[in-house]
Amino acid sequence: MEYAKGDEIRRYHPSLPEQSILSPNLKKYFSYPERSPDRSRIASEVSFQLSKYSNHWTSRAVRLWFNNNRKTVYDDIRISSENSNPSLNQRDMAGDSPKNYVQSINFSNRNMSSFNKSIEERNTSASTPEDVNDSKGSSLSILKELEDEAAWLSFNDPRMASIIDQYDEVCFKNPVLSASSPIKSSNFIEFPPFASSVSPISIVDLLNRKFKTDQIITSAFWVKRQFAKQKIPKLKVGNLVNGMAAFIERKNGDSFLSYSLDPEFSVNWKSIPLFQEMVSGMIIDKSRKSVWVLAKDRLNSVSIDSDDSHKHFVLTSSNGVPTMATSLGALICGFDLSKSVHYINNDFKADLIDIGVDSGVSSLSLFENSIVCGLSKSTSIKMFSIDGKEIRSFLGHRGSVTKLHPVTSNSLISSSSDGSVKLWDIREKRPVATLMADEAIPITLAGSSSYAIAGYSDRKIRVIDIRHKRIKPLIGLDLKLELPSFINYNSSLDTLMMFSDDLFESSDSHQLLNSNLVSYSPFIKGE
């Protein structure tokens, strides 16, 4: 070790062995978002490795060295102006996004054949019980390397397509991965397990610490809330937004739209006759002035409390299960077997947008002036401009994406068949947080700028606090024999509205009985 000469400042210069440890971790450090817990983890690991050379290398000293040498990383960056996304770059230049955002890195002819070789060897080998653990470990290692590789590419770098294809191949062709825990990092959050009964802790045990910490965490996390419930006909299609609830009801061979305004306060159902066709999808416009109803290949805009005539559009590409999203008059509609999506703007002008994917869409969301979609035959999420130009991809789920929900102007949450819920910042390459809950599958999502909320297949609601840098589980709610089908959170009223199905639980199966509209208020703050 050496110190630079000087009366006031003594600058430490790392030796060659120390540089051999620092340099490889420099790019890895800056591949994570600013203030990410993963940066702190890397700094701590490097500090531990360097401690054998000098006690100078505290975690703080390592972070300082990384920041002083960040220019080394950016000297390797190749920014492709013709391919970059203007909207994201403008945010970065305006200082609205985290600093030190890496657009693209020049790799030194890295050969991706090793990934392909590993995948081929795994797929051609016999999947015996003895091979399961080795196969899972090898596959997880491949996924981790692909995620690290993607973190260094620009949003629309052409190499992303190859990485996503390899990632999908690993996930879909190895059934072990769909049931195993995800790649855990410092942003991995696991919900406290549900306990039907928690033994009380005596004062003596509390003073003598004769208890399990999990006992306190579980007891504090799982709560009870006051609620109001109303029975409704067995639900096929329904939707909730702030200030409105609506569902489709069949009467005497015809479809009717039943709706109630301001259900957070009182429920007063009104009914609008529609048509004879069965309804396959519906969504309430955020303005609450209309409801979009899909029947066969016809998309109808049904006016609420107005004499305006209903408008309808014939969809030219409508194969498979539909998914829809809306935002103040605009609507996007897609299908899991159609490669194009239908976009209808505020002036009721309809466009068919080719998003250039090999499969259909499993979920959709309108995000400011962009379309965000989960793909039916991929683990990735893609963001497109309104004219169909790809902006970026989100990589990290290990199953098909089932739901999307924006929570702020820069972030959204997603759920997947792999059981995870992820929080994303559209300016970052990696997910901000990954949330898992026992072996339950998320069914429906809601949230606000403060909370992410998910309803699960194990008949429970789980809430995550996303207000701070350290994201954490907040509360859980046991629905007992109710299966949530759709939820919406009104943050200004602290009210959770939920469509649910009653379950009859027999010794060998569950049967769906009636449906309900349930209101929990107050929800987060409790009584």
Protein backbone atom coordinates (compact mmCIF):
# COMPACT_ATOMS: atom_id res chain seq x y z
CA MET A 1 0.00 0.00 0.00
CA GLU A 2 1.10 3.53 -0.67
CA TYR A 3 0.01 6.97 0.45
CA ALA A 4 0.45 10.06 -1.71
CA LYS A 5 2.67 12.68 -0.15
CA GLY A 6 0.98 15.81 1.12
CA ASP A 7 0.64 17.84 4.26
CA GLU A 8 -3.15 17.96 4.31
CA ILE A 9 -4.40 14.98 2.33
CA ARG A 10 -3.05 11.47 2.35
CA ARG A 11 -4.50 9.63 -0.62
CA TYR A 12 -4.38 5.86 -0.58
CA HIS A 13 -3.20 4.18 -3.80
CA PRO A 14 -4.22 0.51 -4.10
CA SER A 15 -1.52 -2.01 -4.86
CA LEU A 16 -1.73 -4.29 -7.89
CA PRO A 17 -3.28 -7.19 -5.91
CA GLU A 18 -5.84 -4.78 -4.49
CA GLN A 19 -6.62 -3.41 -7.96
CA SER A 20 -7.13 -6.97 -9.21
CA ILE A 21 -10.01 -7.25 -6.74
CA LEU A 22 -11.43 -3.75 -7.16
CA SER A 23 -11.47 -3.51 -10.95
CA PRO A 24 -13.64 -6.57 -11.78
CA ASN A 25 -16.25 -5.40 -9.28
CA LEU A 26 -16.39 -1.83 -10.59
CA LYS A 27 -18.75 -2.52 -13.50
CA LYS A 28 -20.77 -4.95 -11.43
CA TYR A 29 -21.25 -2.24 -8.78
CA PHE A 30 -22.59 0.31 -11.27
CA SER A 31 -24.87 -2.22 -12.98
CA TYR A 32 -27.23 -1.86 -10.01
CA PRO A 33 -29.44 1.20 -9.36
CA GLU A 34 -28.13 4.02 -7.23
CA ARG A 35 -28.73 3.38 -3.50
CA SER A 36 -29.53 -0.22 -4.30
CA PRO A 37 -28.88 -2.68 -1.44
CA ASP A 38 -26.91 -4.75 -3.97
CA ARG A 39 -24.33 -1.95 -4.20
CA SER A 40 -23.88 -2.10 -0.44
CA ARG A 41 -23.55 -5.87 -0.63
CA ILE A 42 -20.84 -5.68 -3.29
CA ALA A 43 -18.94 -3.01 -1.33
CA SER A 44 -19.04 -5.21 1.80
CA GLU A 45 -17.84 -8.29 -0.10
CA VAL A 46 -14.96 -6.37 -1.68
CA SER A 47 -14.07 -4.81 1.68
CA PHE A 48 -13.82 -8.29 3.21
CA GLN A 49 -11.54 -9.53 0.39
CA LEU A 50 -9.27 -6.47 0.71
CA SER A 51 -9.03 -6.59 4.49
CA LYS A 52 -6.14 -9.07 4.24
CA TYR A 53 -4.07 -6.36 2.53
CA SER A 54 -4.96 -3.29 4.58
CA ASN A 55 -7.39 -2.11 7.22
CA HIS A 56 -7.94 0.97 5.04
CA TRP A 57 -10.58 -0.85 2.99
CA THR A 58 -13.77 -0.29 4.89
CA SER A 59 -17.04 -0.53 2.97
CA ARG A 60 -17.13 3.24 2.84
CA ALA A 61 -13.60 3.37 1.39
CA VAL A 62 -14.56 0.83 -1.29
CA ARG A 63 -17.63 2.82 -2.29
CA LEU A 64 -15.52 5.97 -2.44
CA TRP A 65 -12.99 4.25 -4.72
CA PHE A 66 -15.79 3.03 -6.98
CA ASN A 67 -17.28 6.52 -7.25
CA ASN A 68 -13.89 8.11 -7.90
CA ASN A 69 -13.25 5.63 -10.70
CA ARG A 70 -16.67 5.52 -12.30
CA LYS A 71 -15.26 7.34 -15.33
CA THR A 72 -13.42 4.12 -16.14
CA VAL A 73 -16.80 2.48 -16.66
CA TYR A 74 -18.22 5.28 -18.75
CA ASP A 75 -15.19 5.42 -20.99
CA ASP A 76 -16.28 1.94 -22.13
CA ILE A 77 -19.87 2.98 -22.76
CA ARG A 78 -21.11 3.09 -26.31
CA ILE A 79 -24.19 5.29 -26.56
CA SER A 80 -26.16 4.64 -29.72
CA SER A 81 -28.08 7.85 -30.30
CA GLU A 82 -30.08 6.56 -33.24
CA ASN A 83 -31.39 3.62 -31.18
CA SER A 84 -31.78 5.31 -27.79
CA ASN A 85 -35.18 6.13 -26.33
CA PRO A 86 -35.65 9.94 -26.37
CA SER A 87 -38.20 10.05 -23.55
CA LEU A 88 -35.99 8.13 -21.14
CA ASN A 89 -32.86 10.07 -22.12
CA GLN A 90 -34.66 13.37 -21.57
CA ARG A 91 -35.59 12.25 -18.09
CA ASP A 92 -31.98 11.36 -17.37
CA MET A 93 -30.71 14.72 -18.66
CA ALA A 94 -33.30 16.53 -16.59
CA GLY A 95 -32.12 14.77 -13.47
CA ASP A 96 -35.44 12.96 -12.95
CA SER A 97 -33.88 9.52 -12.86
CA PRO A 98 -31.15 7.96 -10.73
CA LYS A 99 -27.69 9.12 -11.73
CA ASN A 100 -24.97 7.02 -13.30
CA TYR A 101 -27.41 5.22 -15.57
CA VAL A 102 -25.52 2.93 -17.95
CA GLN A 103 -26.90 2.94 -21.52
CA SER A 104 -24.65 0.40 -23.24
CA ILE A 105 -21.32 -1.32 -22.80
CA ASN A 106 -18.89 -2.52 -25.49
CA PHE A 107 -18.25 -6.18 -24.77
CA SER A 108 -15.06 -7.72 -26.01
CA ASN A 109 -16.61 -10.28 -28.38
CA ARG A 110 -18.18 -12.25 -25.59
CA ASN A 111 -19.18 -15.68 -26.84
CA MET A 112 -22.72 -16.63 -25.83
CA SER A 113 -22.34 -20.22 -27.07
CA SER A 114 -21.57 -21.40 -23.53
CA PHE A 115 -25.12 -20.53 -22.53
CA ASN A 116 -26.56 -22.39 -25.52
CA LYS A 117 -24.33 -25.39 -24.84
CA SER A 118 -25.46 -25.57 -21.21
CA ILE A 119 -29.11 -25.37 -22.25
CA GLU A 120 -28.71 -28.09 -24.90
CA GLU A 121 -26.89 -30.40 -22.51
CA ARG A 122 -29.63 -29.98 -19.93
CA ASN A 123 -32.47 -30.51 -22.40
CA THR A 124 -30.95 -33.65 -23.94
CA SER A 125 -30.02 -35.24 -20.63
CA ALA A 126 -32.39 -37.50 -18.71
CA SER A 127 -34.37 -35.65 -16.05
CA THR A 128 -34.03 -38.20 -13.25
CA PRO A 129 -34.71 -37.33 -9.59
CA GLU A 130 -30.98 -37.52 -8.90
CA ASP A 131 -30.34 -34.85 -11.55
CA VAL A 132 -32.96 -32.38 -10.36
CA ASN A 133 -30.81 -30.45 -7.90
CA ASP A 134 -27.85 -30.23 -10.28
CA SER A 135 -30.14 -29.16 -13.14
CA LYS A 136 -31.79 -26.49 -11.02
CA GLY A 137 -28.48 -25.12 -9.79
CA SER A 138 -27.02 -25.01 -13.29
CA SER A 139 -30.13 -23.33 -14.69
CA LEU A 140 -30.23 -20.72 -11.94
CA SER A 141 -26.59 -19.95 -12.62
CA ILE A 142 -27.36 -19.45 -16.31
CA LEU A 143 -30.29 -17.14 -15.50
CA LYS A 144 -28.14 -15.07 -13.15
CA GLU A 145 -25.48 -14.62 -15.84
CA LEU A 146 -28.10 -13.65 -18.40
CA GLU A 147 -29.58 -11.08 -16.00
CA ASP A 148 -26.12 -9.61 -15.39
CA GLU A 149 -25.49 -9.53 -19.14
CA ALA A 150 -28.78 -7.71 -19.79
CA ALA A 151 -28.03 -5.14 -17.08
CA TRP A 152 -25.14 -3.80 -19.19
CA LEU A 153 -27.08 -3.37 -22.41
CA SER A 154 -29.05 -0.35 -23.51
CA PHE A 155 -32.82 -0.64 -23.37
CA ASN A 156 -33.19 -1.47 -27.06
CA ASP A 157 -29.84 -3.08 -27.78
CA PRO A 158 -30.42 -5.82 -30.42
CA ARG A 159 -28.57 -8.31 -28.20
CA MET A 160 -31.44 -8.16 -25.69
CA ALA A 161 -33.59 -10.32 -27.99
CA SER A 162 -31.05 -13.15 -27.89
CA ILE A 163 -30.71 -12.90 -24.10
CA ILE A 164 -34.50 -13.01 -23.62
CA ASP A 165 -34.81 -16.02 -25.95
CA GLN A 166 -32.17 -17.91 -23.93
CA TYR A 167 -33.79 -16.85 -20.65
CA ASP A 168 -37.20 -18.09 -21.84
CA GLU A 169 -35.70 -21.36 -23.03
CA VAL A 170 -34.17 -22.06 -19.64
CA CYS A 171 -37.38 -21.15 -17.78
CA PHE A 172 -39.92 -22.94 -19.97
CA LYS A 173 -37.93 -26.10 -20.66
CA ASN A 174 -36.96 -26.78 -17.06
CA PRO A 175 -40.10 -27.49 -15.02
CA VAL A 176 -38.08 -27.53 -11.80
CA LEU A 177 -37.60 -23.77 -12.01
CA SER A 178 -41.31 -22.95 -11.96
CA ALA A 179 -41.66 -24.44 -8.49
CA SER A 180 -38.33 -23.43 -7.00
CA SER A 181 -37.46 -20.21 -5.24
CA PRO A 182 -36.20 -17.33 -7.41
CA ILE A 183 -32.67 -16.03 -7.64
CA LYS A 184 -32.34 -14.37 -4.26
CA SER A 185 -30.56 -11.06 -3.88
CA SER A 186 -30.73 -8.22 -1.37
CA ASN A 187 -33.93 -6.95 -3.00
CA PHE A 188 -35.70 -10.29 -2.44
CA ILE A 189 -38.60 -10.08 0.02
CA GLU A 190 -40.45 -13.07 1.44
CA PHE A 191 -43.81 -12.57 3.14
CA PRO A 192 -44.08 -13.88 6.69
CA PRO A 193 -45.92 -17.24 6.61
CA PHE A 194 -49.52 -17.36 7.76
CA ALA A 195 -50.22 -18.97 11.12
CA SER A 196 -53.86 -19.75 11.90
CA SER A 197 -53.13 -19.34 15.59
CA VAL A 198 -50.20 -17.69 17.31
CA SER A 199 -49.46 -18.57 20.91
CA PRO A 200 -49.28 -15.54 23.20
CA ILE A 201 -45.89 -14.55 24.55
CA SER A 202 -45.69 -14.18 28.30
CA ILE A 203 -43.90 -11.27 29.98
CA VAL A 204 -41.40 -13.72 31.51
CA ASP A 205 -40.56 -15.26 28.11
CA LEU A 206 -40.32 -11.81 26.60
CA LEU A 207 -37.84 -10.64 29.24
CA ASN A 208 -35.83 -13.86 29.00
CA ARG A 209 -36.06 -13.94 25.18
CA LYS A 210 -37.56 -17.44 25.26
CA PHE A 211 -39.49 -17.10 22.04
CA LYS A 212 -38.95 -17.23 18.31
CA THR A 213 -38.57 -13.97 16.43
CA ASP A 214 -40.81 -15.35 13.66
CA GLN A 215 -43.59 -15.59 16.22
CA ILE A 216 -43.62 -11.82 16.71
CA ILE A 217 -43.24 -11.05 12.98
CA THR A 218 -46.11 -13.38 12.04
CA SER A 219 -48.36 -12.01 14.75
CA ALA A 220 -47.66 -8.40 13.76
CA PHE A 221 -48.07 -8.96 10.02
CA TRP A 222 -51.38 -10.82 9.86
CA VAL A 223 -54.26 -8.54 10.83
CA LYS A 224 -58.05 -8.39 10.85
CA ARG A 225 -60.06 -5.60 9.27
CA GLN A 226 -63.66 -4.45 9.46
CA PHE A 227 -65.54 -5.00 6.22
CA ALA A 228 -68.89 -4.64 4.50
CA LYS A 229 -70.02 -7.42 2.16
CA GLN A 230 -72.79 -7.67 -0.40
CA LYS A 231 -73.75 -10.81 -2.30
CA ILE A 232 -73.89 -10.56 -6.09
CA PRO A 233 -74.62 -13.11 -8.84
CA LYS A 234 -71.83 -15.55 -9.56
CA LEU A 235 -69.21 -13.37 -11.19
CA LYS A 236 -67.91 -14.03 -14.70
CA VAL A 237 -66.58 -10.60 -15.63
CA GLY A 238 -66.14 -7.58 -13.32
CA ASN A 239 -64.01 -4.49 -12.75
CA LEU A 240 -63.30 -1.93 -10.03
CA VAL A 241 -61.86 1.60 -10.07
CA ASN A 242 -61.91 4.44 -7.57
CA GLY A 243 -65.55 5.46 -7.23
CA MET A 244 -67.14 2.70 -9.34
CA ALA A 245 -67.85 -1.02 -9.41
CA ALA A 246 -69.30 -2.93 -12.38
CA PHE A 247 -69.94 -6.50 -13.49
CA ILE A 248 -71.79 -8.37 -16.24
CA GLU A 249 -74.95 -10.29 -15.39
CA ARG A 250 -76.90 -12.75 -17.54
CA LYS A 251 -80.73 -12.61 -17.38
CA ASN A 252 -83.05 -14.63 -19.58
CA GLY A 253 -80.42 -15.11 -22.27
CA ASP A 254 -79.32 -11.45 -22.40
CA SER A 255 -76.29 -9.63 -20.99
CA PHE A 256 -76.71 -6.68 -18.63
CA LEU A 257 -74.18 -4.22 -17.23
CA SER A 258 -74.68 -3.74 -13.48
CA TYR A 259 -72.80 -0.84 -11.90
CA SER A 260 -72.67 1.23 -8.72
CA LEU A 261 -71.09 4.65 -8.29
CA ASP A 262 -69.10 5.44 -5.14
CA PRO A 263 -69.34 1.90 -3.71
CA GLU A 264 -66.79 2.87 -1.04
CA PHE A 265 -69.66 4.66 0.76
CA SER A 266 -72.80 2.77 -0.25
CA VAL A 267 -73.75 0.25 -2.92
CA ASN A 268 -76.71 1.05 -5.17
CA TRP A 269 -76.79 -1.11 -8.27
CA LYS A 270 -78.13 0.14 -11.59
CA SER A 271 -78.53 -1.99 -14.72
CA ILE A 272 -78.10 -1.30 -18.43
CA PRO A 273 -79.31 -3.86 -21.01
CA LEU A 274 -76.65 -4.80 -23.55
CA PHE A 275 -77.14 -7.63 -26.07
CA GLN A 276 -77.60 -11.36 -26.35
CA GLU A 277 -73.93 -12.24 -26.91
CA MET A 278 -71.84 -13.52 -24.04
CA VAL A 279 -69.38 -10.96 -22.70
CA SER A 280 -65.74 -12.08 -22.60
CA GLY A 281 -64.17 -8.95 -21.11
CA MET A 282 -64.91 -5.53 -19.67
CA ILE A 283 -63.11 -2.58 -18.11
CA ILE A 284 -64.23 0.72 -16.60
CA ASP A 285 -62.80 3.86 -18.14
CA LYS A 286 -60.84 5.89 -15.58
CA SER A 287 -63.17 8.85 -16.22
CA ARG A 288 -66.08 6.69 -14.92
CA LYS A 289 -68.21 7.98 -17.80
CA SER A 290 -68.20 4.73 -19.76
CA VAL A 291 -67.49 1.02 -19.60
CA TRP A 292 -65.79 -0.94 -22.37
CA VAL A 293 -67.47 -4.29 -23.03
CA LEU A 294 -66.08 -7.01 -25.31
CA ALA A 295 -68.38 -9.58 -26.96
CA LYS A 296 -67.00 -11.84 -29.67
CA ASP A 297 -65.08 -9.51 -32.04
CA ARG A 298 -67.01 -6.37 -31.11
CA LEU A 299 -65.75 -3.82 -28.58
CA ASN A 300 -68.51 -1.59 -27.18
CA SER A 301 -68.23 1.70 -25.28
CA VAL A 302 -71.26 1.83 -22.96
CA SER A 303 -72.10 5.31 -21.60
CA ILE A 304 -72.96 5.62 -17.90
CA ASP A 305 -75.80 7.91 -16.71
CA SER A 306 -75.92 9.56 -20.13
CA ASP A 307 -78.17 9.62 -23.17
CA ASP A 308 -75.16 9.22 -25.47
CA SER A 309 -75.51 6.28 -27.83
CA HIS A 310 -73.17 3.33 -27.39
CA LYS A 311 -70.18 3.20 -29.75
CA HIS A 312 -68.73 -0.06 -30.98
CA PHE A 313 -65.69 -1.22 -32.92
CA VAL A 314 -65.14 -4.44 -34.84
CA LEU A 315 -61.78 -5.98 -33.95
CA THR A 316 -59.87 -7.47 -36.86
CA SER A 317 -57.45 -9.46 -34.67
CA SER A 318 -59.20 -11.14 -31.73
CA ASN A 319 -57.87 -14.64 -31.22
CA GLY A 320 -57.66 -16.08 -27.74
CA VAL A 321 -58.21 -14.75 -24.22
CA PRO A 322 -58.60 -10.94 -24.08
CA THR A 323 -56.82 -8.44 -21.85
CA MET A 324 -57.55 -4.71 -21.66
CA ALA A 325 -56.26 -1.51 -20.08
CA THR A 326 -57.61 2.03 -20.08
CA SER A 327 -56.55 5.55 -19.16
CA LEU A 328 -58.89 8.56 -19.29
CA GLY A 329 -60.73 7.66 -22.47
CA ALA A 330 -58.00 5.72 -24.25
CA LEU A 331 -58.16 1.94 -24.42
CA ILE A 332 -55.76 -0.83 -25.39
CA CYS A 333 -57.01 -4.36 -26.08
CA GLY A 334 -55.03 -7.49 -26.93
CA PHE A 335 -55.33 -11.28 -27.01
CA ASP A 336 -53.01 -14.10 -26.00
CA LEU A 337 -53.01 -15.55 -29.55
CA SER A 338 -52.84 -12.27 -31.51
CA LYS A 339 -49.59 -10.53 -32.38
CA SER A 340 -51.22 -7.09 -32.67
CA VAL A 341 -53.10 -4.89 -30.18
CA HIS A 342 -56.00 -2.51 -30.73
CA TYR A 343 -55.61 1.08 -29.52
CA ILE A 344 -58.57 3.47 -29.32
CA ASN A 345 -57.74 7.06 -28.43
CA ASN A 346 -59.84 9.73 -26.69
CA ASP A 347 -61.42 10.73 -30.02
CA PHE A 348 -62.56 7.13 -30.62
CA LYS A 349 -60.07 6.63 -33.41
CA ALA A 350 -59.11 2.96 -33.59
CA ASP A 351 -55.69 1.69 -34.71
CA LEU A 352 -54.28 -1.81 -35.01
CA ILE A 353 -50.71 -1.74 -33.69
CA ASP A 354 -48.23 -4.41 -34.70
CA ILE A 355 -45.87 -4.75 -31.73
CA GLY A 356 -43.62 -7.18 -33.56
CA VAL A 357 -43.73 -10.12 -31.13
CA ASP A 358 -43.89 -13.82 -31.96
CA SER A 359 -46.74 -14.45 -29.52
CA GLY A 360 -49.79 -12.73 -28.15
CA VAL A 361 -50.12 -10.65 -24.99
CA SER A 362 -51.12 -12.00 -21.58
CA SER A 363 -51.50 -8.63 -19.80
CA LEU A 364 -51.58 -4.95 -20.69
CA SER A 365 -51.18 -1.54 -19.08
CA LEU A 366 -51.24 2.01 -20.41
CA PHE A 367 -48.28 3.81 -18.89
CA GLU A 368 -48.24 7.54 -19.65
CA ASN A 369 -47.72 7.58 -23.45
CA SER A 370 -46.56 3.98 -23.64
CA ILE A 371 -47.99 0.49 -23.82
CA VAL A 372 -46.64 -2.09 -21.37
CA CYS A 373 -47.44 -5.73 -22.04
CA GLY A 374 -46.67 -9.19 -20.75
CA LEU A 375 -46.20 -11.78 -23.49
CA SER A 376 -48.09 -15.07 -23.52
CA LYS A 377 -45.02 -17.12 -24.56
CA SER A 378 -42.26 -15.23 -22.78
CA THR A 379 -41.17 -14.40 -19.26
CA SER A 380 -40.35 -10.81 -20.24
CA ILE A 381 -42.35 -7.58 -20.15
CA LYS A 382 -42.06 -5.13 -23.04
CA MET A 383 -42.76 -1.42 -23.32
CA PHE A 384 -43.81 0.09 -26.66
CA SER A 385 -44.62 3.56 -27.89
CA ILE A 386 -48.16 4.18 -29.13
CA ASP A 387 -46.96 3.67 -32.72
CA GLY A 388 -45.61 0.20 -31.86
CA LYS A 389 -41.88 0.99 -31.54
CA GLU A 390 -40.22 -1.05 -28.82
CA ILE A 391 -38.78 1.08 -26.01
CA ARG A 392 -37.40 -1.51 -23.63
CA SER A 393 -37.77 -4.95 -22.03
CA PHE A 394 -38.04 -6.00 -18.39
CA LEU A 395 -36.26 -9.26 -17.55
CA GLY A 396 -36.58 -11.21 -14.31
CA HIS A 397 -39.79 -13.27 -14.08
CA ARG A 398 -39.43 -17.01 -14.61
CA GLY A 399 -43.00 -17.63 -15.78
CA SER A 400 -45.52 -15.89 -18.01
CA VAL A 401 -46.56 -12.45 -16.78
CA THR A 402 -50.20 -12.50 -15.65
CA LYS A 403 -50.95 -8.96 -14.38
CA LEU A 404 -49.54 -5.43 -14.66
CA HIS A 405 -50.42 -2.41 -12.55
CA PRO A 406 -48.82 1.08 -12.60
CA VAL A 407 -48.24 2.59 -9.15
CA THR A 408 -46.45 5.88 -9.98
CA SER A 409 -45.46 7.78 -13.11
CA ASN A 410 -42.14 5.88 -13.11
CA SER A 411 -42.95 2.50 -11.59
CA LEU A 412 -45.23 -0.51 -11.92
CA ILE A 413 -45.80 -3.90 -10.35
CA SER A 414 -46.18 -7.21 -12.17
CA SER A 415 -47.19 -10.74 -11.24
CA SER A 416 -46.24 -14.03 -12.82
CA SER A 417 -47.17 -17.69 -12.91
CA ASP A 418 -43.86 -18.32 -11.11
CA GLY A 419 -45.50 -16.95 -7.94
CA SER A 420 -43.55 -13.70 -7.78
CA VAL A 421 -44.62 -10.07 -7.70
CA LYS A 422 -42.00 -7.60 -8.91
CA LEU A 423 -41.69 -3.85 -8.50
CA TRP A 424 -40.08 -2.07 -11.48
CA ASP A 425 -38.74 1.41 -12.10
CA ILE A 426 -38.95 2.08 -15.85
CA ARG A 427 -35.58 3.87 -15.70
CA GLU A 428 -33.77 0.89 -14.17
CA LYS A 429 -32.59 -2.37 -15.71
CA ARG A 430 -33.27 -4.66 -12.76
CA PRO A 431 -36.43 -5.02 -10.66
CA VAL A 432 -36.48 -2.83 -7.57
CA ALA A 433 -37.89 -5.70 -5.49
CA THR A 434 -39.04 -9.30 -5.87
CA LEU A 435 -41.80 -10.53 -3.57
CA MET A 436 -42.68 -14.16 -2.80
CA ALA A 437 -45.38 -15.69 -0.62
CA ASP A 438 -45.15 -19.34 0.42
CA GLU A 439 -46.32 -21.37 -2.61
CA ALA A 440 -49.25 -19.10 -3.48
CA ILE A 441 -49.84 -17.60 -6.94
CA PRO A 442 -50.83 -13.91 -7.28
CA ILE A 443 -54.23 -13.49 -8.98
CA THR A 444 -54.92 -9.76 -8.88
CA LEU A 445 -52.91 -6.57 -8.23
CA ALA A 446 -53.65 -3.09 -6.90
CA GLY A 447 -51.66 -0.31 -5.30
CA SER A 448 -50.66 3.31 -4.98
CA SER A 449 -47.47 5.32 -4.76
CA SER A 450 -47.08 4.02 -1.19
CA TYR A 451 -48.28 0.42 -1.27
CA ALA A 452 -48.29 -2.61 -3.56
CA ILE A 453 -51.19 -5.00 -2.92
CA ALA A 454 -51.73 -8.52 -4.24
CA GLY A 455 -54.54 -11.05 -3.89
CA TYR A 456 -53.39 -14.68 -3.92
CA SER A 457 -54.61 -18.16 -4.74
CA ASP A 458 -54.31 -19.16 -1.07
CA ARG A 459 -57.18 -16.72 -0.31
CA LYS A 460 -55.03 -14.03 1.24
CA ILE A 461 -54.25 -10.36 0.60
CA ARG A 462 -50.67 -9.19 1.12
CA VAL A 463 -49.44 -5.59 1.24
CA ILE A 464 -45.92 -4.26 0.67
CA ASP A 465 -44.71 -0.85 1.82
CA ILE A 466 -42.86 0.78 -1.11
CA ARG A 467 -42.50 4.28 0.36
CA HIS A 468 -38.90 3.91 1.46
CA LYS A 469 -35.64 2.65 0.06
CA ARG A 470 -35.96 -0.48 2.16
CA ILE A 471 -39.15 -2.10 0.85
CA LYS A 472 -40.82 -4.40 3.37
CA PRO A 473 -43.96 -6.47 4.01
CA LEU A 474 -46.61 -4.42 5.79
CA ILE A 475 -49.80 -6.38 6.50
CA GLY A 476 -51.54 -9.59 5.46
CA LEU A 477 -55.25 -10.40 5.48
CA ASP A 478 -56.72 -13.91 5.61
CA LEU A 479 -59.91 -14.14 3.51
CA LYS A 480 -60.72 -17.62 4.86
CA LEU A 481 -63.08 -19.15 2.25
CA GLU A 482 -63.11 -16.23 -0.19
CA LEU A 483 -61.01 -16.25 -3.35
CA PRO A 484 -60.12 -12.73 -4.57
CA SER A 485 -60.84 -12.18 -8.28
CA PHE A 486 -60.30 -8.41 -8.54
CA ILE A 487 -59.11 -5.72 -6.10
CA ASN A 488 -58.78 -1.94 -6.17
CA TYR A 489 -57.22 0.34 -3.56
CA ASN A 490 -58.48 3.91 -3.07
CA SER A 491 -55.55 5.59 -1.30
CA SER A 492 -57.39 8.84 -0.53
CA LEU A 493 -60.06 6.90 1.41
CA ASP A 494 -57.77 4.07 2.57
CA THR A 495 -60.37 1.63 1.21
CA LEU A 496 -59.81 -1.72 -0.47
CA MET A 497 -62.65 -2.88 -2.73
CA MET A 498 -62.72 -6.54 -3.76
CA PHE A 499 -64.73 -8.90 -5.93
CA SER A 500 -64.46 -12.37 -4.44
CA ASP A 501 -65.91 -15.86 -4.87
CA ASP A 502 -67.17 -17.90 -1.96
CA LEU A 503 -65.59 -21.33 -1.73
CA PHE A 504 -67.22 -24.47 -0.42
CA GLU A 505 -64.41 -26.57 0.96
CA SER A 506 -64.98 -30.32 0.94
CA SER A 507 -62.55 -33.06 1.84
CA ASP A 508 -61.24 -33.42 -1.70
CA SER A 509 -61.95 -30.18 -3.58
CA HIS A 510 -63.06 -26.56 -3.62
CA GLN A 511 -66.26 -25.45 -5.31
CA LEU A 512 -67.13 -21.88 -6.30
CA LEU A 513 -70.50 -20.80 -4.93
CA ASN A 514 -71.58 -17.16 -4.86
CA SER A 515 -69.67 -13.94 -5.51
CA ASN A 516 -69.31 -10.85 -3.31
CA LEU A 517 -68.43 -7.19 -3.38
CA VAL A 518 -66.39 -6.54 -0.24
CA SER A 519 -65.17 -3.21 1.15
CA TYR A 520 -62.40 -2.93 3.77
CA SER A 521 -62.19 0.54 5.31
CA PRO A 522 -59.91 1.65 6.81
CA PHE A 523 -57.59 -0.91 5.25
CA ILE A 524 -53.94 0.01 5.79
CA LYS A 525 -54.27 2.01 8.98
CA GLY A 526 -56.81 -0.28 10.59
CA GLU A 527 -59.18 0.78 13.32
